Amino acid sequence: MKSLIVNADDLGWTEGVNRGIAEANRNGIVTSTSLLANGAAFALGVEMARTSPALGVGVHLNLSDGPPVAPRELVTSLVNDKGNFQGGPENLLMRMGRRRLSLKEVEIEWEAQVEKVWAAGILPTHLDGHKHVHMLPGLFEIALRLAKRRGIGAVRVALEESSLRAALSAGAQKRGSLVMRQGVQARGLKLLARDAREMAEHAGIATADYFCGIAQTGELTREGVMQLMKNLPEGTTELMCHPGYVDADLEKSATRLQKSREMEMAILTSTEIRNLVASQGIRLIDYGFATQEA
């Protein structure tokens, strides 16, 4: 059986992103999303999730953008002088190497993020990481402990399958250097967390069998998604995506994913893509369903 989780990251970033994810679920192949507990549009994201019963909702664990959810005095190693998270995975990895990042504070913050989602009435289907930060050494173990403690059945393992990356790369690439750089990042994650699936299995936490979407972040093409569907392996695969509408808040935010979100909307809601999924006998599921079968 070929099963596919299509997860839209960044629910709660802006109202336009929320609206796009809802439409990609309602009229397209998106089955799952992950919610930023500290997102500016968190409350609107929660409301959207409540009115989208066919959409699985996980927690998008964050250490890179915006303010913390936990009291700032409890997570001082995670924030800058303005009280916001400071930098992406590379910065975090460097600070970990210099012992300037407290793993205890990471656990406090991530616990607060999960609790905020839970308190809003959402039972998370899975955990994943904003910019894949949960895959860093020491942090993946925290994500597993948190999942186990809170009864969350699955965690994303962001180790991109090379054959699926190749399939997804089909189609014109406007920024080949960016795709190449993201492909290098994907390979780097494999080296940093090559035992992640075994660790999750040992902890009794489910994962997808395969994952893809890192190299093509912001560069998804219709041809690539079609090629992926034609080459999907047996088992469960997660395709990460970032649909949404560009609004004023998105334009002002730090993310480089702007117009690409609307391009992904068109791909993920395409009749051609939906028909291909059906003709290939692909079962669209979310992490909650995958956990029930594990």
Protein backbone atom coordinates (compact mmCIF):
# COMPACT_ATOMS: atom_id res chain seq x y z
CA MET A 1 0.00 0.00 0.00
CA LYS A 2 1.29 3.45 -0.95
CA SER A 3 0.31 6.06 1.63
CA LEU A 4 1.13 9.76 1.48
CA ILE A 5 1.12 12.43 4.17
CA VAL A 6 1.19 15.90 2.60
CA ASN A 7 2.13 18.21 5.47
CA ALA A 8 1.84 21.99 5.16
CA ASP A 9 4.30 23.64 7.53
CA ASP A 10 3.83 27.04 9.23
CA LEU A 11 0.17 27.10 10.27
CA GLY A 12 -0.17 30.18 12.47
CA TRP A 13 2.48 32.25 10.63
CA THR A 14 -0.04 34.70 9.09
CA GLU A 15 -3.73 34.76 8.24
CA GLY A 16 -2.89 34.33 4.55
CA VAL A 17 -0.81 31.23 5.26
CA ASN A 18 -3.63 29.80 7.38
CA ARG A 19 -6.15 30.44 4.62
CA GLY A 20 -3.96 28.81 2.01
CA ILE A 21 -3.41 25.68 4.09
CA ALA A 22 -7.16 25.36 4.68
CA GLU A 23 -7.86 25.63 0.95
CA ALA A 24 -5.10 23.17 0.04
CA ASN A 25 -6.73 20.70 2.42
CA ARG A 26 -10.29 21.38 1.35
CA ASN A 27 -9.67 21.43 -2.42
CA GLY A 28 -6.34 19.65 -2.76
CA ILE A 29 -4.07 16.90 -1.47
CA VAL A 30 -2.84 18.46 1.81
CA THR A 31 -3.78 16.12 4.67
CA SER A 32 -1.71 17.46 7.55
CA THR A 33 -0.25 20.66 8.94
CA SER A 34 2.01 21.76 11.79
CA LEU A 35 1.13 24.70 14.02
CA LEU A 36 3.55 27.36 15.26
CA ALA A 37 2.63 27.94 18.90
CA ASN A 38 4.32 31.36 18.83
CA GLY A 39 2.98 32.36 15.41
CA ALA A 40 1.41 35.80 15.03
CA ALA A 41 -1.74 34.16 13.63
CA PHE A 42 -1.86 31.29 16.13
CA ALA A 43 -5.44 31.96 17.29
CA LEU A 44 -6.70 32.11 13.70
CA GLY A 45 -4.79 28.92 12.94
CA VAL A 46 -6.48 27.15 15.83
CA GLU A 47 -9.90 28.29 14.61
CA MET A 48 -9.11 27.09 11.10
CA ALA A 49 -7.96 23.72 12.43
CA ARG A 50 -11.19 23.31 14.39
CA THR A 51 -13.24 23.81 11.24
CA SER A 52 -11.10 21.40 9.17
CA PRO A 53 -11.90 17.93 10.51
CA ALA A 54 -10.05 16.22 7.64
CA LEU A 55 -6.77 17.94 8.55
CA GLY A 56 -4.30 16.40 10.99
CA VAL A 57 -2.52 19.02 13.14
CA GLY A 58 0.91 18.66 14.68
CA VAL A 59 3.20 21.06 16.55
CA HIS A 60 5.91 22.91 14.61
CA LEU A 61 8.61 23.09 17.29
CA ASN A 62 10.43 26.40 16.92
CA LEU A 63 13.71 27.88 18.11
CA SER A 64 14.43 30.15 15.14
CA ASP A 65 11.74 32.82 14.69
CA GLY A 66 9.69 35.06 16.95
CA PRO A 67 9.36 35.19 20.74
CA PRO A 68 9.37 32.17 23.05
CA VAL A 69 6.19 30.79 24.58
CA ALA A 70 7.83 30.08 27.93
CA PRO A 71 8.69 33.02 30.21
CA ARG A 72 11.83 34.62 28.80
CA GLU A 73 13.67 34.46 32.10
CA LEU A 74 13.45 30.64 31.90
CA VAL A 75 14.94 30.39 28.39
CA THR A 76 17.66 33.04 28.33
CA SER A 77 20.08 30.96 26.25
CA LEU A 78 17.49 30.73 23.45
CA VAL A 79 16.81 34.42 22.92
CA ASN A 80 18.63 37.61 21.93
CA ASP A 81 18.63 41.02 23.66
CA LYS A 82 15.18 41.76 22.19
CA GLY A 83 13.74 38.58 23.68
CA ASN A 84 13.34 36.74 20.37
CA PHE A 85 14.78 33.47 19.11
CA GLN A 86 18.15 34.03 17.50
CA GLY A 87 18.95 32.24 14.27
CA GLY A 88 18.45 29.08 12.30
CA PRO A 89 19.81 25.53 12.73
CA GLU A 90 23.38 26.42 11.74
CA ASN A 91 23.52 29.12 14.41
CA LEU A 92 22.00 26.79 16.98
CA LEU A 93 24.45 24.02 16.14
CA MET A 94 27.37 26.39 16.52
CA ARG A 95 26.07 27.65 19.88
CA MET A 96 25.55 24.08 21.05
CA GLY A 97 29.18 23.34 20.18
CA ARG A 98 30.27 26.32 22.27
CA ARG A 99 27.98 25.28 25.15
CA ARG A 100 25.96 28.47 24.84
CA LEU A 101 22.63 26.70 24.33
CA SER A 102 20.91 25.02 27.27
CA LEU A 103 19.18 21.76 26.35
CA LYS A 104 17.17 22.05 29.56
CA GLU A 105 15.83 25.39 28.36
CA VAL A 106 14.99 23.89 24.95
CA GLU A 107 12.88 21.27 26.70
CA ILE A 108 11.16 23.93 28.82
CA GLU A 109 10.33 25.96 25.70
CA TRP A 110 9.13 23.05 23.61
CA GLU A 111 7.01 21.78 26.47
CA ALA A 112 5.40 25.23 26.63
CA GLN A 113 4.75 25.20 22.89
CA VAL A 114 3.05 21.81 23.02
CA GLU A 115 1.06 22.85 26.09
CA LYS A 116 -0.21 25.98 24.33
CA VAL A 117 -1.47 23.93 21.38
CA TRP A 118 -3.02 21.38 23.75
CA ALA A 119 -4.69 24.10 25.83
CA ALA A 120 -6.27 25.47 22.66
CA GLY A 121 -8.17 22.20 22.29
CA ILE A 122 -5.99 20.53 19.66
CA LEU A 123 -4.67 17.01 20.21
CA PRO A 124 -1.45 16.98 18.15
CA THR A 125 -0.98 14.15 15.66
CA HIS A 126 2.80 14.59 15.56
CA LEU A 127 5.80 16.80 16.27
CA ASP A 128 8.12 18.32 13.69
CA GLY A 129 10.57 21.20 13.64
CA HIS A 130 10.59 24.67 12.12
CA LYS A 131 13.62 24.60 9.81
CA HIS A 132 14.10 20.99 10.97
CA VAL A 133 15.67 22.16 14.22
CA HIS A 134 14.36 19.08 16.03
CA MET A 135 16.80 16.93 14.06
CA LEU A 136 19.89 18.49 15.65
CA PRO A 137 21.94 16.26 17.99
CA GLY A 138 20.44 16.27 21.47
CA LEU A 139 17.26 17.99 20.30
CA PHE A 140 15.74 14.95 18.61
CA GLU A 141 15.93 13.13 21.93
CA ILE A 142 14.02 16.01 23.54
CA ALA A 143 11.32 15.79 20.86
CA LEU A 144 10.97 12.04 21.49
CA ARG A 145 10.72 12.52 25.26
CA LEU A 146 8.13 15.22 24.78
CA ALA A 147 6.08 13.07 22.41
CA LYS A 148 6.19 10.17 24.84
CA ARG A 149 5.29 12.34 27.83
CA ARG A 150 2.36 14.02 26.09
CA GLY A 151 1.00 10.94 24.33
CA ILE A 152 1.83 12.22 20.83
CA GLY A 153 2.19 9.20 18.59
CA ALA A 154 4.53 10.36 15.82
CA VAL A 155 7.55 12.53 15.06
CA ARG A 156 8.80 13.69 11.67
CA VAL A 157 12.16 12.28 10.68
CA ALA A 158 13.44 14.86 8.20
CA LEU A 159 15.91 12.58 6.44
CA GLU A 160 15.22 13.12 2.75
CA GLU A 161 15.21 10.02 0.56
CA SER A 162 17.62 10.67 -2.33
CA SER A 163 15.51 8.87 -4.95
CA LEU A 164 12.43 10.89 -3.97
CA ARG A 165 14.48 14.10 -3.98
CA ALA A 166 15.51 13.29 -7.54
CA ALA A 167 11.90 12.66 -8.61
CA LEU A 168 10.68 15.85 -6.95
CA SER A 169 13.36 17.89 -8.73
CA ALA A 170 11.74 17.36 -12.15
CA GLY A 171 10.65 20.53 -13.95
CA ALA A 172 12.21 23.91 -14.61
CA GLN A 173 14.33 25.25 -11.76
CA LYS A 174 14.63 29.01 -11.61
CA ARG A 175 17.17 28.93 -8.79
CA GLY A 176 19.22 25.78 -9.23
CA SER A 177 21.90 27.01 -6.82
CA LEU A 178 19.30 27.33 -4.04
CA VAL A 179 18.01 23.81 -4.68
CA MET A 180 21.59 22.53 -4.64
CA ARG A 181 22.31 24.30 -1.34
CA GLN A 182 19.14 22.90 0.20
CA GLY A 183 20.11 19.47 -1.09
CA VAL A 184 23.43 19.80 0.75
CA GLN A 185 21.49 20.73 3.90
CA ALA A 186 19.34 17.62 3.45
CA ARG A 187 22.45 15.46 3.22
CA GLY A 188 23.85 17.19 6.29
CA LEU A 189 20.76 16.28 8.28
CA LYS A 190 21.25 12.65 7.26
CA LEU A 191 24.73 12.71 8.74
CA LEU A 192 23.64 14.48 11.93
CA ALA A 193 20.66 12.25 12.65
CA ARG A 194 21.18 9.04 10.71
CA ASP A 195 19.91 6.92 13.65
CA ALA A 196 16.73 8.96 14.17
CA ARG A 197 14.25 6.35 12.92
CA GLU A 198 15.82 3.66 15.09
CA MET A 199 15.71 6.01 18.10
CA ALA A 200 12.02 6.75 17.49
CA GLU A 201 11.20 3.06 17.10
CA HIS A 202 13.00 2.27 20.35
CA ALA A 203 10.96 5.00 22.07
CA GLY A 204 7.71 3.63 20.66
CA ILE A 205 7.10 6.71 18.51
CA ALA A 206 5.91 6.28 14.91
CA THR A 207 7.56 7.89 11.88
CA ALA A 208 6.90 7.93 8.16
CA ASP A 209 8.98 5.42 6.19
CA TYR A 210 10.18 8.12 3.79
CA PHE A 211 10.38 11.92 3.72
CA CYS A 212 11.01 14.52 1.02
CA GLY A 213 10.68 18.23 0.33
CA ILE A 214 13.80 19.84 1.81
CA ALA A 215 15.76 20.42 -1.42
CA GLN A 216 12.65 21.73 -3.18
CA THR A 217 11.53 24.08 -0.39
CA GLY A 218 10.21 27.15 -2.17
CA GLU A 219 10.92 25.58 -5.57
CA LEU A 220 8.19 22.95 -5.88
CA THR A 221 7.04 22.28 -9.45
CA ARG A 222 3.99 20.57 -10.91
CA GLU A 223 6.27 18.28 -12.91
CA GLY A 224 8.18 17.33 -9.79
CA VAL A 225 5.08 16.47 -7.78
CA MET A 226 3.73 14.40 -10.67
CA GLN A 227 7.04 12.54 -10.95
CA LEU A 228 6.99 11.92 -7.20
CA MET A 229 3.50 10.42 -7.38
CA LYS A 230 4.60 8.10 -10.18
CA ASN A 231 7.61 6.94 -8.15
CA LEU A 232 6.13 6.76 -4.67
CA PRO A 233 7.39 3.66 -2.81
CA GLU A 234 5.32 1.17 -0.85
CA GLY A 235 4.80 2.30 2.72
CA THR A 236 4.20 5.79 4.12
CA THR A 237 5.89 8.87 2.67
CA GLU A 238 5.69 12.45 3.94
CA LEU A 239 5.89 15.33 1.45
CA MET A 240 6.61 18.63 3.19
CA CYS A 241 5.13 21.74 1.57
CA HIS A 242 4.50 25.44 2.29
CA PRO A 243 1.25 26.65 0.69
CA GLY A 244 -0.36 29.98 1.54
CA TYR A 245 -1.55 33.35 0.33
CA VAL A 246 0.73 36.38 0.39
CA ASP A 247 -0.68 39.03 2.71
CA ALA A 248 0.80 42.17 4.24
CA ASP A 249 1.95 40.33 7.35
CA LEU A 250 3.74 37.69 5.28
CA GLU A 251 5.48 40.36 3.21
CA LYS A 252 6.75 42.00 6.40
CA SER A 253 7.90 38.74 7.99
CA ALA A 254 11.38 37.22 7.86
CA THR A 255 10.50 34.22 5.70
CA ARG A 256 11.88 34.05 2.15
CA LEU A 257 8.87 31.89 1.18
CA GLN A 258 6.56 34.48 -0.33
CA LYS A 259 5.20 34.06 -3.88
CA SER A 260 6.28 30.42 -3.83
CA ARG A 261 3.46 29.72 -1.36
CA GLU A 262 0.81 30.70 -3.91
CA MET A 263 2.59 28.65 -6.59
CA GLU A 264 2.41 25.64 -4.28
CA MET A 265 -1.28 26.34 -3.71
CA ALA A 266 -1.89 25.97 -7.44
CA ILE A 267 0.07 22.72 -7.60
CA LEU A 268 -1.45 21.09 -4.54
CA THR A 269 -5.04 21.90 -5.59
CA SER A 270 -4.50 20.97 -9.25
CA THR A 271 -7.12 18.64 -10.72
CA GLU A 272 -4.34 16.95 -12.68
CA ILE A 273 -2.42 16.16 -9.49
CA ARG A 274 -5.51 14.96 -7.63
CA ASN A 275 -6.46 12.68 -10.53
CA LEU A 276 -2.92 11.29 -10.67
CA VAL A 277 -2.99 10.48 -6.95
CA ALA A 278 -6.24 8.57 -7.48
CA SER A 279 -5.02 6.74 -10.60
CA GLN A 280 -1.84 5.63 -8.82
CA GLY A 281 -3.86 4.14 -5.95
CA ILE A 282 -2.19 6.42 -3.41
CA ARG A 283 -3.92 6.68 -0.06
CA LEU A 284 -3.84 10.19 1.41
CA ILE A 285 -3.50 10.08 5.22
CA ASP A 286 -2.27 12.17 8.15
CA TYR A 287 0.04 11.23 11.01
CA GLY A 288 -2.89 10.35 13.23
CA PHE A 289 -3.99 7.65 10.81
CA ALA A 290 -0.41 6.43 10.41
CA THR A 291 -0.09 6.13 14.19
CA GLN A 292 -3.25 4.00 14.41
CA GLU A 293 -1.77 1.55 11.92
CA ALA A 294 1.68 1.38 13.54
